[in-house]
C-alpha atoms as a PDB file:
ATOM      1  CA  MET A   1      -0.038  -0.110   0.156  1.00  0.00           C
ATOM      2  CA  ARG A   2       2.646   2.200   0.865  1.00  0.00           C
ATOM      3  CA  GLU A   3       4.640   1.669  -2.289  1.00  0.00           C
ATOM      4  CA  ILE A   4       1.337   2.471  -4.211  1.00  0.00           C
ATOM      5  CA  LEU A   5       1.037   5.749  -2.552  1.00  0.00           C
ATOM      6  CA  ASP A   6       4.676   6.941  -3.400  1.00  0.00           C
ATOM      7  CA  ILE A   7       4.406   6.009  -6.629  1.00  0.00           C
ATOM      8  CA  GLN A   8       1.051   7.859  -7.155  1.00  0.00           C
ATOM      9  CA  LYS A   9       2.454  10.863  -5.399  1.00  0.00           C
ATOM     10  CA  GLN A  10       5.341  10.984  -8.104  1.00  0.00           C
ATOM     11  CA  LEU A  11       3.339  10.322 -10.999  1.00  0.00           C
ATOM     12  CA  MET A  12      -0.331  11.845  -9.954  1.00  0.00           C
ATOM     13  CA  PRO A  13       0.152  14.179  -7.563  1.00  0.00           C
ATOM     14  CA  ASP A  14      -2.988  16.286  -8.479  1.00  0.00           C
ATOM     15  CA  VAL A  15      -4.985  13.056  -7.810  1.00  0.00           C
ATOM     16  CA  MET A  16      -3.675  12.684  -4.570  1.00  0.00           C
ATOM     17  CA  ASP A  17      -4.725  16.601  -4.207  1.00  0.00           C
ATOM     18  CA  ILE A  18      -8.209  15.641  -4.947  1.00  0.00           C
ATOM     19  CA  MET A  19      -8.536  12.786  -2.760  1.00  0.00           C
ATOM     20  CA  LYS A  20      -7.325  14.513   0.395  1.00  0.00           C
ATOM     21  CA  LYS A  21      -9.594  17.558  -0.662  1.00  0.00           C
ATOM     22  CA  ARG A  22     -12.783  15.465  -0.739  1.00  0.00           C
ATOM     23  CA  TYR A  23     -11.754  13.361   2.231  1.00  0.00           C
ATOM     24  CA  SER A  24     -11.311  16.387   4.230  1.00  0.00           C
ATOM     25  CA  ILE A  25     -15.119  17.812   2.872  1.00  0.00           C
ATOM     26  CA  LEU A  26     -16.585  14.542   4.515  1.00  0.00           C
ATOM     27  CA  GLN A  27     -14.886  14.625   7.473  1.00  0.00           C
ATOM     28  CA  HIS A  28     -15.957  18.098   8.506  1.00  0.00           C
ATOM     29  CA  ILE A  29     -19.500  17.174   7.469  1.00  0.00           C
ATOM     30  CA  LEU A  30     -19.398  13.642   9.546  1.00  0.00           C
ATOM     31  CA  VAL A  31     -17.728  15.424  12.583  1.00  0.00           C
ATOM     32  CA  SER A  32     -20.040  18.588  12.406  1.00  0.00           C
ATOM     33  CA  GLY A  33     -23.265  16.454  11.892  1.00  0.00           C
ATOM     34  CA  VAL A  34     -25.552  18.913   9.881  1.00  0.00           C
ATOM     35  CA  VAL A  35     -23.538  21.688   8.165  1.00  0.00           C
ATOM     36  CA  GLY A  36     -24.355  24.600   5.676  1.00  0.00           C
ATOM     37  CA  ARG A  37     -22.304  25.370   2.570  1.00  0.00           C
ATOM     38  CA  ARG A  38     -21.247  28.827   3.783  1.00  0.00           C
ATOM     39  CA  SER A  39     -20.322  27.588   7.012  1.00  0.00           C
ATOM     40  CA  LEU A  40     -18.202  24.758   5.504  1.00  0.00           C
ATOM     41  CA  ALA A  41     -16.448  26.693   2.964  1.00  0.00           C
ATOM     42  CA  SER A  42     -15.180  29.157   5.620  1.00  0.00           C
ATOM     43  CA  SER A  43     -14.007  25.954   8.039  1.00  0.00           C
ATOM     44  CA  LEU A  44     -12.267  24.440   4.907  1.00  0.00           C
ATOM     45  CA  ASP A  45     -11.014  28.055   3.784  1.00  0.00           C
ATOM     46  CA  MET A  46     -12.533  27.060   0.076  1.00  0.00           C
ATOM     47  CA  THR A  47     -14.324  29.428  -1.585  1.00  0.00           C
ATOM     48  CA  GLU A  48     -18.466  28.737  -1.859  1.00  0.00           C
ATOM     49  CA  ARG A  49     -17.906  28.150  -5.750  1.00  0.00           C
ATOM     50  CA  VAL A  50     -15.269  25.262  -5.407  1.00  0.00           C
ATOM     51  CA  LEU A  51     -17.114  23.841  -2.881  1.00  0.00           C
ATOM     52  CA  ARG A  52     -20.289  23.781  -4.734  1.00  0.00           C
ATOM     53  CA  GLY A  53     -18.646  21.773  -7.442  1.00  0.00           C
ATOM     54  CA  GLU A  54     -17.207  19.237  -4.917  1.00  0.00           C
ATOM     55  CA  VAL A  55     -20.284  19.136  -2.871  1.00  0.00           C
ATOM     56  CA  GLU A  56     -22.580  18.108  -6.223  1.00  0.00           C
ATOM     57  CA  PHE A  57     -19.880  15.637  -6.967  1.00  0.00           C
ATOM     58  CA  LEU A  58     -20.250  13.823  -3.622  1.00  0.00           C
ATOM     59  CA  LYS A  59     -23.873  13.708  -3.829  1.00  0.00           C
ATOM     60  CA  GLU A  60     -23.804  12.288  -7.235  1.00  0.00           C
ATOM     61  CA  LEU A  61     -21.855   9.505  -5.623  1.00  0.00           C
ATOM     62  CA  GLY A  62     -24.346   9.249  -2.983  1.00  0.00           C
ATOM     63  CA  LEU A  63     -21.925   9.929   0.048  1.00  0.00           C
ATOM     64  CA  LEU A  64     -23.775  13.071   1.083  1.00  0.00           C
ATOM     65  CA  GLU A  65     -27.544  13.825   1.725  1.00  0.00           C
ATOM     66  CA  SER A  66     -28.766  17.631   1.822  1.00  0.00           C
ATOM     67  CA  ASP A  67     -32.003  19.063   2.875  1.00  0.00           C
ATOM     68  CA  PRO A  68     -33.364  22.565   3.869  1.00  0.00           C
ATOM     69  CA  THR A  69     -31.016  22.373   7.416  1.00  0.00           C
ATOM     70  CA  GLY A  70     -27.928  21.364   5.248  1.00  0.00           C
ATOM     71  CA  MET A  71     -25.828  18.695   4.371  1.00  0.00           C
ATOM     72  CA  LYS A  72     -25.004  15.409   6.098  1.00  0.00           C
ATOM     73  CA  ILE A  73     -22.745  12.338   5.467  1.00  0.00           C
ATOM     74  CA  SER A  74     -24.960   9.418   4.067  1.00  0.00           C
ATOM     75  CA  GLU A  75     -24.299   5.580   5.301  1.00  0.00           C
ATOM     76  CA  THR A  76     -22.106   5.060   2.154  1.00  0.00           C
ATOM     77  CA  GLY A  77     -20.218   8.057   3.127  1.00  0.00           C
ATOM     78  CA  ARG A  78     -19.414   7.212   6.612  1.00  0.00           C
ATOM     79  CA  LYS A  79     -18.424   3.671   5.313  1.00  0.00           C
ATOM     80  CA  LEU A  80     -15.777   4.910   2.974  1.00  0.00           C
ATOM     81  CA  LEU A  81     -14.314   7.480   5.563  1.00  0.00           C
ATOM     82  CA  GLU A  82     -13.936   4.221   7.688  1.00  0.00           C
ATOM     83  CA  ASP A  83     -11.992   2.373   4.624  1.00  0.00           C
ATOM     84  CA  MET A  84     -10.292   5.306   3.861  1.00  0.00           C
ATOM     85  CA  GLN A  85      -8.284   6.036   7.248  1.00  0.00           C
ATOM     86  CA  PRO A  86      -5.201   3.846   6.777  1.00  0.00           C
ATOM     87  CA  ILE A  87      -4.567   5.179   3.262  1.00  0.00           C
ATOM     88  CA  ILE A  88      -5.185   8.577   4.243  1.00  0.00           C
ATOM     89  CA  LYS A  89      -3.132   8.340   7.155  1.00  0.00           C
ATOM     90  CA  MET A  90      -0.498   7.597   4.906  1.00  0.00           C
ATOM     91  CA  ALA A  91      -1.187  10.144   2.444  1.00  0.00           C
ATOM     92  CA  PHE A  92      -0.451  12.543   5.164  1.00  0.00           C
ATOM     93  CA  GLY A  93       2.456  10.720   6.312  1.00  0.00           C
ATOM     94  CA  LEU A  94       0.527  10.512   9.742  1.00  0.00           C
ATOM     95  CA  THR A  95       0.989   6.582   9.936  1.00  0.00           C
ATOM     96  CA  ASP A  96       5.025   7.115  10.139  1.00  0.00           C
ATOM     97  CA  LEU A  97       4.486   9.959  12.756  1.00  0.00           C
ATOM     98  CA  GLU A  98       2.471   7.473  15.133  1.00  0.00           C
ATOM     99  CA  GLU A  99       4.922   4.542  14.628  1.00  0.00           C
ATOM    100  CA  ALA A 100       7.986   6.943  15.354  1.00  0.00           C
ATOM    101  CA  ILE A 101       6.080   8.165  18.614  1.00  0.00           C
ATOM    102  CA  ALA A 102       5.210   4.650  19.857  1.00  0.00           C
ATOM    103  CA  LYS A 103       8.581   3.732  19.324  1.00  0.00           C
ATOM    104  CA  ALA A 104      10.462   6.466  20.840  1.00  0.00           C
ATOM    105  CA  TYR A 105       8.442   6.563  24.085  1.00  0.00           C
ATOM    106  CA  GLY A 106       7.265   2.898  24.055  1.00  0.00           C
ATOM    107  CA  ILE A 107       3.575   2.938  23.689  1.00  0.00           C
ATOM    108  CA  SER A 108       1.593   0.337  22.611  1.00  0.00           C
ATOM    109  CA  GLN A 109      -0.828   2.700  20.347  1.00  0.00           C
ATOM    110  CA  VAL A 110      -0.279   6.241  18.686  1.00  0.00           C
ATOM    111  CA  ILE A 111      -3.509   7.454  17.087  1.00  0.00           C
ATOM    112  CA  ILE A 112      -2.972  11.193  15.049  1.00  0.00           C
ATOM    113  CA  VAL A 113      -5.667  13.011  13.457  1.00  0.00           C
ATOM    114  CA  PRO A 114      -4.908  15.872  11.078  1.00  0.00           C
ATOM    115  CA  GLY A 115      -4.871  19.588  12.113  1.00  0.00           C
ATOM    116  CA  ASP A 116      -4.047  21.673  15.104  1.00  0.00           C
ATOM    117  CA  SER A 117      -6.484  21.681  17.869  1.00  0.00           C
ATOM    118  CA  ASP A 118      -5.145  25.377  18.826  1.00  0.00           C
ATOM    119  CA  THR A 119      -6.316  26.881  15.964  1.00  0.00           C
ATOM    120  CA  SER A 120      -9.274  24.377  14.499  1.00  0.00           C
ATOM    121  CA  GLU A 121     -12.292  23.573  16.626  1.00  0.00           C
ATOM    122  CA  PHE A 122     -13.076  20.713  13.480  1.00  0.00           C
ATOM    123  CA  THR A 123      -9.263  19.542  14.538  1.00  0.00           C
ATOM    124  CA  LYS A 124     -10.592  19.696  18.568  1.00  0.00           C
ATOM    125  CA  LYS A 125     -13.878  17.407  17.767  1.00  0.00           C
ATOM    126  CA  GLU A 126     -12.150  14.888  15.407  1.00  0.00           C
ATOM    127  CA  LEU A 127      -9.598  14.692  18.517  1.00  0.00           C
ATOM    128  CA  GLY A 128     -12.658  13.727  20.520  1.00  0.00           C
ATOM    129  CA  ARG A 129     -13.850  11.343  18.071  1.00  0.00           C
ATOM    130  CA  ALA A 130     -10.946   9.652  17.626  1.00  0.00           C
ATOM    131  CA  GLY A 131     -10.517   9.398  21.993  1.00  0.00           C
ATOM    132  CA  ALA A 132     -14.319   8.087  21.519  1.00  0.00           C
ATOM    133  CA  ALA A 133     -12.893   5.265  18.896  1.00  0.00           C
ATOM    134  CA  ALA A 134      -9.968   4.446  21.080  1.00  0.00           C
ATOM    135  CA  LEU A 135     -12.364   3.931  24.133  1.00  0.00           C
ATOM    136  CA  LYS A 136     -14.537   1.806  22.207  1.00  0.00           C
ATOM    137  CA  LYS A 137     -11.893  -0.786  20.806  1.00  0.00           C
ATOM    138  CA  TYR A 138     -10.702  -1.418  24.262  1.00  0.00           C
ATOM    139  CA  VAL A 139     -13.554  -1.425  26.524  1.00  0.00           C
ATOM    140  CA  ALA A 140     -14.801  -4.926  27.528  1.00  0.00           C
ATOM    141  CA  LYS A 141     -18.137  -6.045  28.921  1.00  0.00           C
ATOM    142  CA  ASP A 142     -19.140  -4.810  32.727  1.00  0.00           C
ATOM    143  CA  ASP A 143     -15.523  -2.690  32.870  1.00  0.00           C
ATOM    144  CA  ILE A 144     -14.944   0.108  35.149  1.00  0.00           C
ATOM    145  CA  ILE A 145     -13.817   3.202  33.579  1.00  0.00           C
ATOM    146  CA  ALA A 146     -12.236   6.305  35.010  1.00  0.00           C
ATOM    147  CA  VAL A 147     -12.442   9.525  33.286  1.00  0.00           C
ATOM    148  CA  THR A 148     -10.871  13.121  34.041  1.00  0.00           C
ATOM    149  CA  GLY A 149     -12.436  16.514  33.314  1.00  0.00           C
ATOM    150  CA  GLY A 150     -11.505  18.962  30.304  1.00  0.00           C
ATOM    151  CA  SER A 151     -12.438  20.192  27.257  1.00  0.00           C
ATOM    152  CA  THR A 152     -10.735  17.148  25.588  1.00  0.00           C
ATOM    153  CA  LEU A 153     -12.750  14.302  27.298  1.00  0.00           C
ATOM    154  CA  ALA A 154     -16.029  16.629  26.869  1.00  0.00           C
ATOM    155  CA  GLN A 155     -15.692  15.967  23.364  1.00  0.00           C
ATOM    156  CA  ILE A 156     -14.863  12.396  23.791  1.00  0.00           C
ATOM    157  CA  ALA A 157     -17.880  11.955  25.819  1.00  0.00           C
ATOM    158  CA  ASN A 158     -19.999  13.899  23.095  1.00  0.00           C
ATOM    159  CA  ASN A 159     -18.945  11.137  20.301  1.00  0.00           C
ATOM    160  CA  LEU A 160     -19.952   8.126  22.471  1.00  0.00           C
ATOM    161  CA  VAL A 161     -22.915   6.485  21.402  1.00  0.00           C
ATOM    162  CA  THR A 162     -24.810   3.252  22.610  1.00  0.00           C
ATOM    163  CA  SER A 163     -23.158   0.053  21.884  1.00  0.00           C
ATOM    164  CA  SER A 164     -23.222  -3.573  23.039  1.00  0.00           C
ATOM    165  CA  SER A 165     -19.747  -3.641  24.767  1.00  0.00           C
ATOM    166  CA  MET A 166     -20.396  -0.393  26.977  1.00  0.00           C
ATOM    167  CA  LYS A 167     -23.597  -0.814  27.954  1.00  0.00           C
ATOM    168  CA  GLY A 168     -23.307  -2.808  31.491  1.00  0.00           C
ATOM    169  CA  SER A 169     -19.916  -0.311  31.788  1.00  0.00           C
ATOM    170  CA  TRP A 170     -19.566   1.934  34.816  1.00  0.00           C
ATOM    171  CA  PHE A 171     -18.013   5.542  34.210  1.00  0.00           C
ATOM    172  CA  VAL A 172     -16.585   7.189  37.233  1.00  0.00           C
ATOM    173  CA  PRO A 173     -14.639  10.273  37.716  1.00  0.00           C
ATOM    174  CA  ALA A 174     -10.834   9.572  37.910  1.00  0.00           C
ATOM    175  CA  ARG A 175     -10.568  12.507  40.806  1.00  0.00           C
ATOM    176  CA  GLY A 176     -12.310  15.052  42.754  1.00  0.00           C
ATOM    177  CA  GLY A 177     -12.814  18.313  40.649  1.00  0.00           C
ATOM    178  CA  LEU A 178     -15.465  20.371  42.098  1.00  0.00           C
ATOM    179  CA  GLY A 179     -13.366  23.299  41.519  1.00  0.00           C
ATOM    180  CA  GLU A 180     -13.785  23.681  37.990  1.00  0.00           C
ATOM    181  CA  SER A 181     -16.597  24.638  35.657  1.00  0.00           C
ATOM    182  CA  VAL A 182     -19.517  22.212  35.926  1.00  0.00           C
ATOM    183  CA  ASP A 183     -19.315  21.650  32.216  1.00  0.00           C
ATOM    184  CA  MET A 184     -16.006  20.368  32.371  1.00  0.00           C
ATOM    185  CA  GLN A 185     -16.033  18.372  35.885  1.00  0.00           C
ATOM    186  CA  ALA A 186     -15.145  14.759  36.032  1.00  0.00           C
ATOM    187  CA  ASN A 187     -18.011  13.718  37.409  1.00  0.00           C
ATOM    188  CA  THR A 188     -20.289  15.855  34.777  1.00  0.00           C
ATOM    189  CA  ILE A 189     -17.804  13.937  31.718  1.00  0.00           C
ATOM    190  CA  ALA A 190     -18.553  10.354  33.533  1.00  0.00           C
ATOM    191  CA  SER A 191     -22.784  10.919  33.764  1.00  0.00           C
ATOM    192  CA  ILE A 192     -22.459  12.147  29.881  1.00  0.00           C
ATOM    193  CA  MET A 193     -20.353   9.000  28.992  1.00  0.00           C
ATOM    194  CA  ALA A 194     -22.591   6.483  30.985  1.00  0.00           C
ATOM    195  CA  LYS A 195     -26.254   8.278  29.417  1.00  0.00           C
ATOM    196  CA  LYS A 196     -24.597   8.069  25.965  1.00  0.00           C
ATOM    197  CA  THR A 197     -23.546   4.601  26.192  1.00  0.00           C
ATOM    198  CA  GLY A 198     -26.124   2.559  28.308  1.00  0.00           C
ATOM    199  CA  GLY A 199     -23.854   2.296  30.891  1.00  0.00           C
ATOM    200  CA  LYS A 200     -23.944   3.366  34.762  1.00  0.00           C
ATOM    201  CA  TYR A 201     -22.114   6.112  36.693  1.00  0.00           C
ATOM    202  CA  ARG A 202     -21.036   6.897  40.385  1.00  0.00           C
ATOM    203  CA  LEU A 203     -20.432  10.429  41.325  1.00  0.00           C
ATOM    204  CA  LEU A 204     -17.341  11.847  43.399  1.00  0.00           C
ATOM    205  CA  HIS A 205     -18.250  15.184  45.065  1.00  0.00           C
ATOM    206  CA  VAL A 206     -15.247  16.548  46.369  1.00  0.00           C
ATOM    207  CA  PRO A 207     -13.116  19.529  45.916  1.00  0.00           C
ATOM    208  CA  ASP A 208      -9.980  19.245  43.419  1.00  0.00           C
ATOM    209  CA  HIS A 209      -7.752  19.638  46.085  1.00  0.00           C
ATOM    210  CA  LEU A 210      -7.815  19.504  49.740  1.00  0.00           C
ATOM    211  CA  GLY A 211      -5.816  19.915  52.896  1.00  0.00           C
ATOM    212  CA  GLU A 212      -4.643  16.992  54.776  1.00  0.00           C
ATOM    213  CA  GLU A 213      -6.568  17.162  57.663  1.00  0.00           C
ATOM    214  CA  ALA A 214      -9.972  17.677  55.206  1.00  0.00           C
ATOM    215  CA  TYR A 215      -8.886  14.798  53.159  1.00  0.00           C
ATOM    216  CA  GLN A 216      -8.781  12.419  56.226  1.00  0.00           C
ATOM    217  CA  THR A 217     -11.948  13.564  57.360  1.00  0.00           C
ATOM    218  CA  LEU A 218     -13.492  12.689  53.679  1.00  0.00           C
ATOM    219  CA  MET A 219     -11.763   9.532  53.558  1.00  0.00           C
ATOM    220  CA  GLN A 220     -13.952   8.350  56.548  1.00  0.00           C
ATOM    221  CA  ASP A 221     -17.035   8.750  54.860  1.00  0.00           C
ATOM    222  CA  PRO A 222     -18.276   5.380  53.829  1.00  0.00           C
ATOM    223  CA  GLN A 223     -19.717   6.778  50.435  1.00  0.00           C
ATOM    224  CA  ILE A 224     -16.782   8.301  49.456  1.00  0.00           C
ATOM    225  CA  GLN A 225     -14.783   5.150  50.242  1.00  0.00           C
ATOM    226  CA  GLU A 226     -17.075   3.154  48.049  1.00  0.00           C
ATOM    227  CA  VAL A 227     -16.759   5.489  45.005  1.00  0.00           C
ATOM    228  CA  VAL A 228     -12.971   5.805  45.442  1.00  0.00           C
ATOM    229  CA  SER A 229     -12.446   1.878  45.872  1.00  0.00           C
ATOM    230  CA  ALA A 230     -14.377   1.848  42.557  1.00  0.00           C
ATOM    231  CA  VAL A 231     -12.125   4.599  40.878  1.00  0.00           C
ATOM    232  CA  ARG A 232      -9.011   2.362  42.055  1.00  0.00           C
ATOM    233  CA  SER A 233     -10.111  -0.905  40.795  1.00  0.00           C
ATOM    234  CA  CYS A 234     -11.062   0.654  37.331  1.00  0.00           C
ATOM    235  CA  ARG A 235      -9.528  -1.514  34.087  1.00  0.00           C
ATOM    236  CA  ILE A 236      -9.373   1.431  31.843  1.00  0.00           C
ATOM    237  CA  VAL A 237      -8.481   5.392  32.479  1.00  0.00           C
ATOM    238  CA  VAL A 238      -8.927   7.815  29.820  1.00  0.00           C
ATOM    239  CA  HIS A 239      -7.460  11.655  30.570  1.00  0.00           C
ATOM    240  CA  GLY A 240      -6.341  14.585  29.569  1.00  0.00           C
ATOM    241  CA  ILE A 241      -2.688  16.184  29.518  1.00  0.00           C
ATOM    242  CA  GLY A 242      -2.413  20.095  30.136  1.00  0.00           C
ATOM    243  CA  ASP A 243      -0.104  22.990  30.434  1.00  0.00           C
ATOM    244  CA  ALA A 244       1.001  22.832  34.000  1.00  0.00           C
ATOM    245  CA  MET A 245       0.637  26.951  34.493  1.00  0.00           C
ATOM    246  CA  VAL A 246      -2.585  26.907  32.551  1.00  0.00           C
ATOM    247  CA  MET A 247      -4.098  23.806  34.695  1.00  0.00           C
ATOM    248  CA  ALA A 248      -2.866  25.815  37.936  1.00  0.00           C
ATOM    249  CA  ARG A 249      -4.508  29.018  37.104  1.00  0.00           C
ATOM    250  CA  ARG A 250      -7.587  26.865  36.220  1.00  0.00           C
ATOM    251  CA  ARG A 251      -7.718  25.079  39.390  1.00  0.00           C
ATOM    252  CA  LYS A 252      -6.883  28.611  41.260  1.00  0.00           C
ATOM    253  CA  VAL A 253      -4.060  27.248  42.739  1.00  0.00           C
ATOM    254  CA  ASP A 254      -2.600  29.702  45.471  1.00  0.00           C
ATOM    255  CA  ASP A 255       0.392  32.086  44.496  1.00  0.00           C
ATOM    256  CA  GLU A 256       2.638  30.097  46.803  1.00  0.00           C
ATOM    257  CA  THR A 257       2.185  27.007  45.066  1.00  0.00           C
ATOM    258  CA  THR A 258       2.308  28.202  41.291  1.00  0.00           C
ATOM    259  CA  GLY A 259       6.053  29.898  42.620  1.00  0.00           C
ATOM    260  CA  SER A 260       6.870  26.602  43.326  1.00  0.00           C
ATOM    261  CA  LEU A 261       5.911  25.277  40.199  1.00  0.00           C
ATOM    262  CA  ARG A 262       8.064  27.569  38.345  1.00  0.00           C
ATOM    263  CA  ALA A 263      11.195  27.001  40.506  1.00  0.00           C
ATOM    264  CA  ASP A 264      10.568  23.334  40.389  1.00  0.00           C
ATOM    265  CA  GLY A 265      10.148  23.605  36.417  1.00  0.00           C
ATOM    266  CA  ALA A 266       6.505  22.356  35.958  1.00  0.00           C
ATOM    267  CA  LEU A 267       5.741  21.964  32.501  1.00  0.00           C
ATOM    268  CA  ALA A 268       2.578  19.139  32.690  1.00  0.00           C
ATOM    269  CA  GLU A 269      -0.088  18.225  34.126  1.00  0.00           C
ATOM    270  CA  ALA A 270      -2.166  14.599  34.242  1.00  0.00           C
ATOM    271  CA  LEU A 271      -4.238  13.184  36.994  1.00  0.00           C
ATOM    272  CA  GLY A 272      -3.753  16.101  39.417  1.00  0.00           C
ATOM    273  CA  TYR A 273       0.272  15.769  39.353  1.00  0.00           C
ATOM    274  CA  TYR A 274       2.668  17.810  37.396  1.00  0.00           C
ATOM    275  CA  PHE A 275       5.808  16.852  35.619  1.00  0.00           C
ATOM    276  CA  ASP A 276       9.275  18.615  34.630  1.00  0.00           C
ATOM    277  CA  ARG A 277      10.865  17.882  31.191  1.00  0.00           C
ATOM    278  CA  GLN A 278      12.475  15.057  32.160  1.00  0.00           C
ATOM    279  CA  GLY A 279       9.151  13.065  33.380  1.00  0.00           C
ATOM    280  CA  ASN A 280       9.846  13.574  36.622  1.00  0.00           C
ATOM    281  CA  VAL A 281       6.792  14.323  39.295  1.00  0.00           C
ATOM    282  CA  VAL A 282       7.914  17.636  40.907  1.00  0.00           C
ATOM    283  CA  HIS A 283       4.081  18.359  42.813  1.00  0.00           C
ATOM    284  CA  LYS A 284       1.348  16.699  43.279  1.00  0.00           C
ATOM    285  CA  MET A 285      -2.331  18.110  44.541  1.00  0.00           C
ATOM    286  CA  PRO A 286      -3.710  16.102  47.465  1.00  0.00           C
ATOM    287  CA  THR A 287      -7.063  14.871  46.289  1.00  0.00           C
ATOM    288  CA  VAL A 288      -9.213  12.136  46.739  1.00  0.00           C
ATOM    289  CA  GLY A 289      -9.250   9.620  44.113  1.00  0.00           C
ATOM    290  CA  LEU A 290      -6.956   8.148  41.518  1.00  0.00           C
ATOM    291  CA  LYS A 291      -3.274   8.065  42.532  1.00  0.00           C
ATOM    292  CA  LEU A 292      -0.457   7.670  39.792  1.00  0.00           C
ATOM    293  CA  GLU A 293       0.727   4.672  41.579  1.00  0.00           C
ATOM    294  CA  ASP A 294      -2.581   3.374  40.656  1.00  0.00           C
ATOM    295  CA  LEU A 295      -1.771   3.712  36.573  1.00  0.00           C
ATOM    296  CA  GLN A 296       0.618   0.815  37.274  1.00  0.00           C
ATOM    297  CA  ARG A 297      -1.697  -1.981  37.673  1.00  0.00           C
ATOM    298  CA  ILE A 298      -4.670  -0.296  35.371  1.00  0.00           C
ATOM    299  CA  GLU A 299      -4.593  -2.148  32.291  1.00  0.00           C
ATOM    300  CA  VAL A 300      -5.335   0.468  29.713  1.00  0.00           C
ATOM    301  CA  VAL A 301      -4.459   4.295  30.384  1.00  0.00           C
ATOM    302  CA  ILE A 302      -5.437   6.438  27.631  1.00  0.00           C
ATOM    303  CA  GLY A 303      -4.034   9.971  27.128  1.00  0.00           C
ATOM    304  CA  VAL A 304      -5.892  12.036  24.959  1.00  0.00           C
ATOM    305  CA  ALA A 305      -4.458  15.736  24.058  1.00  0.00           C
ATOM    306  CA  GLY A 306      -3.635  18.033  21.179  1.00  0.00           C
ATOM    307  CA  GLY A 307      -2.221  21.295  20.152  1.00  0.00           C
ATOM    308  CA  ARG A 308       0.762  22.698  18.968  1.00  0.00           C
ATOM    309  CA  SER A 309       1.349  24.548  22.261  1.00  0.00           C
ATOM    310  CA  LYS A 310       0.833  21.327  24.103  1.00  0.00           C
ATOM    311  CA  GLY A 311       3.283  19.193  22.343  1.00  0.00           C
ATOM    312  CA  GLU A 312       6.078  19.309  24.839  1.00  0.00           C
ATOM    313  CA  ALA A 313       3.751  18.960  27.762  1.00  0.00           C
ATOM    314  CA  ILE A 314       2.441  15.742  26.306  1.00  0.00           C
ATOM    315  CA  ALA A 315       6.025  14.540  25.908  1.00  0.00           C
ATOM    316  CA  ALA A 316       6.954  15.095  29.781  1.00  0.00           C
ATOM    317  CA  VAL A 317       4.052  13.024  30.513  1.00  0.00           C
ATOM    318  CA  LEU A 318       4.824  10.081  28.203  1.00  0.00           C
ATOM    319  CA  LYS A 319       8.322   9.945  29.449  1.00  0.00           C
ATOM    320  CA  HIS A 320       6.629   9.245  32.973  1.00  0.00           C
ATOM    321  CA  GLY A 321       6.521   6.318  31.192  1.00  0.00           C
ATOM    322  CA  GLN A 322       2.490   5.201  31.975  1.00  0.00           C
ATOM    323  CA  GLU A 323       0.617   5.479  28.899  1.00  0.00           C
ATOM    324  CA  ASP A 324      -0.276   2.534  26.909  1.00  0.00           C
ATOM    325  CA  VAL A 325      -2.508   4.753  24.173  1.00  0.00           C
ATOM    326  CA  LEU A 326      -2.010   8.358  22.939  1.00  0.00           C
ATOM    327  CA  VAL A 327      -4.514  10.042  20.882  1.00  0.00           C
ATOM    328  CA  THR A 328      -3.433  13.319  19.551  1.00  0.00           C
ATOM    329  CA  ASP A 329      -3.354  16.048  16.581  1.00  0.00           C
ATOM    330  CA  GLU A 330      -0.558  16.141  13.882  1.00  0.00           C
ATOM    331  CA  ALA A 331       0.560  19.790  15.257  1.00  0.00           C
ATOM    332  CA  ALA A 332       1.433  18.277  18.779  1.00  0.00           C
ATOM    333  CA  ALA A 333       2.534  15.185  17.358  1.00  0.00           C
ATOM    334  CA  GLN A 334       5.269  17.319  15.288  1.00  0.00           C
ATOM    335  CA  GLU A 335       6.324  18.853  18.883  1.00  0.00           C
ATOM    336  CA  ILE A 336       6.391  15.545  20.625  1.00  0.00           C
ATOM    337  CA  MET A 337       9.126  14.199  18.212  1.00  0.00           C
ATOM    338  CA  LYS A 338      11.059  17.012  18.758  1.00  0.00           C
ATOM    339  CA  HIS A 339      11.383  16.310  22.445  1.00  0.00           C
ATOM    340  CA  ALA A 340      11.669  12.440  22.003  1.00  0.00           C
END
């Protein structure tokens, strides 16, 4: 397959360009659900005249449907996109990049979507779709799945659908987190995932970070003990990765701790732990829920994060060595390789 694509690139580069363009159109419509032509043209940075011709061609092939509300992908188009995934990844050079990152960081699987989440809302949605597909691949009947908060995990939740493999699963928040926006809290995301898939959920109603005395008091509560026990017995963890200083601000970390993070070279944050460039833990927030040492016995750890600005932070977490699967975007992947 790779040899054939290389030959096509040399003999018929225009064919490859057309394939990429039409794939991008179909993929944007798939992720958008229903979209108007003007909005789609703006997202693709394409003139409406050029887009009109491409859309009519794709409709004639039965890949698109349209009504007064806009355009949507047909079942034939959805199937074609699935079949095209390996070819498109090779055409964009993403397959080589996935393999390089997996080898450099010792990860079982790397999944890269085209684009940059920092500058493209579409790429952020596609990252969520890829994260949902990865979770569906690894989940087994009656699994316990722990999830963190954040906008990327919210996108994953939005892309989940009912499936037989997830129907009996339990979704639980990986850790406390009442200090964040409600939509981004792990509790909210766990409940949405359960409702979307037909699964069940438990909630953990505790603040994001606690003093030692408050932590010990909360851990005496039988209901909290029960949920924490479920969290720590999970088989799958799905978590985001953030920039250390951005996450410290979002969680309203006090000035003294923020200064300490800077002094210690904190670059990345995941699961309430802060990492330096070498992947060493330099600080951890006192919180109820999953601990970093728990990841060693958890079967599948899926990290999902994208955007060029997060590339070095993602690399730092990968160097710590707990990830089994990474879902990221092209721009972040390029930065991750620079810091391997």
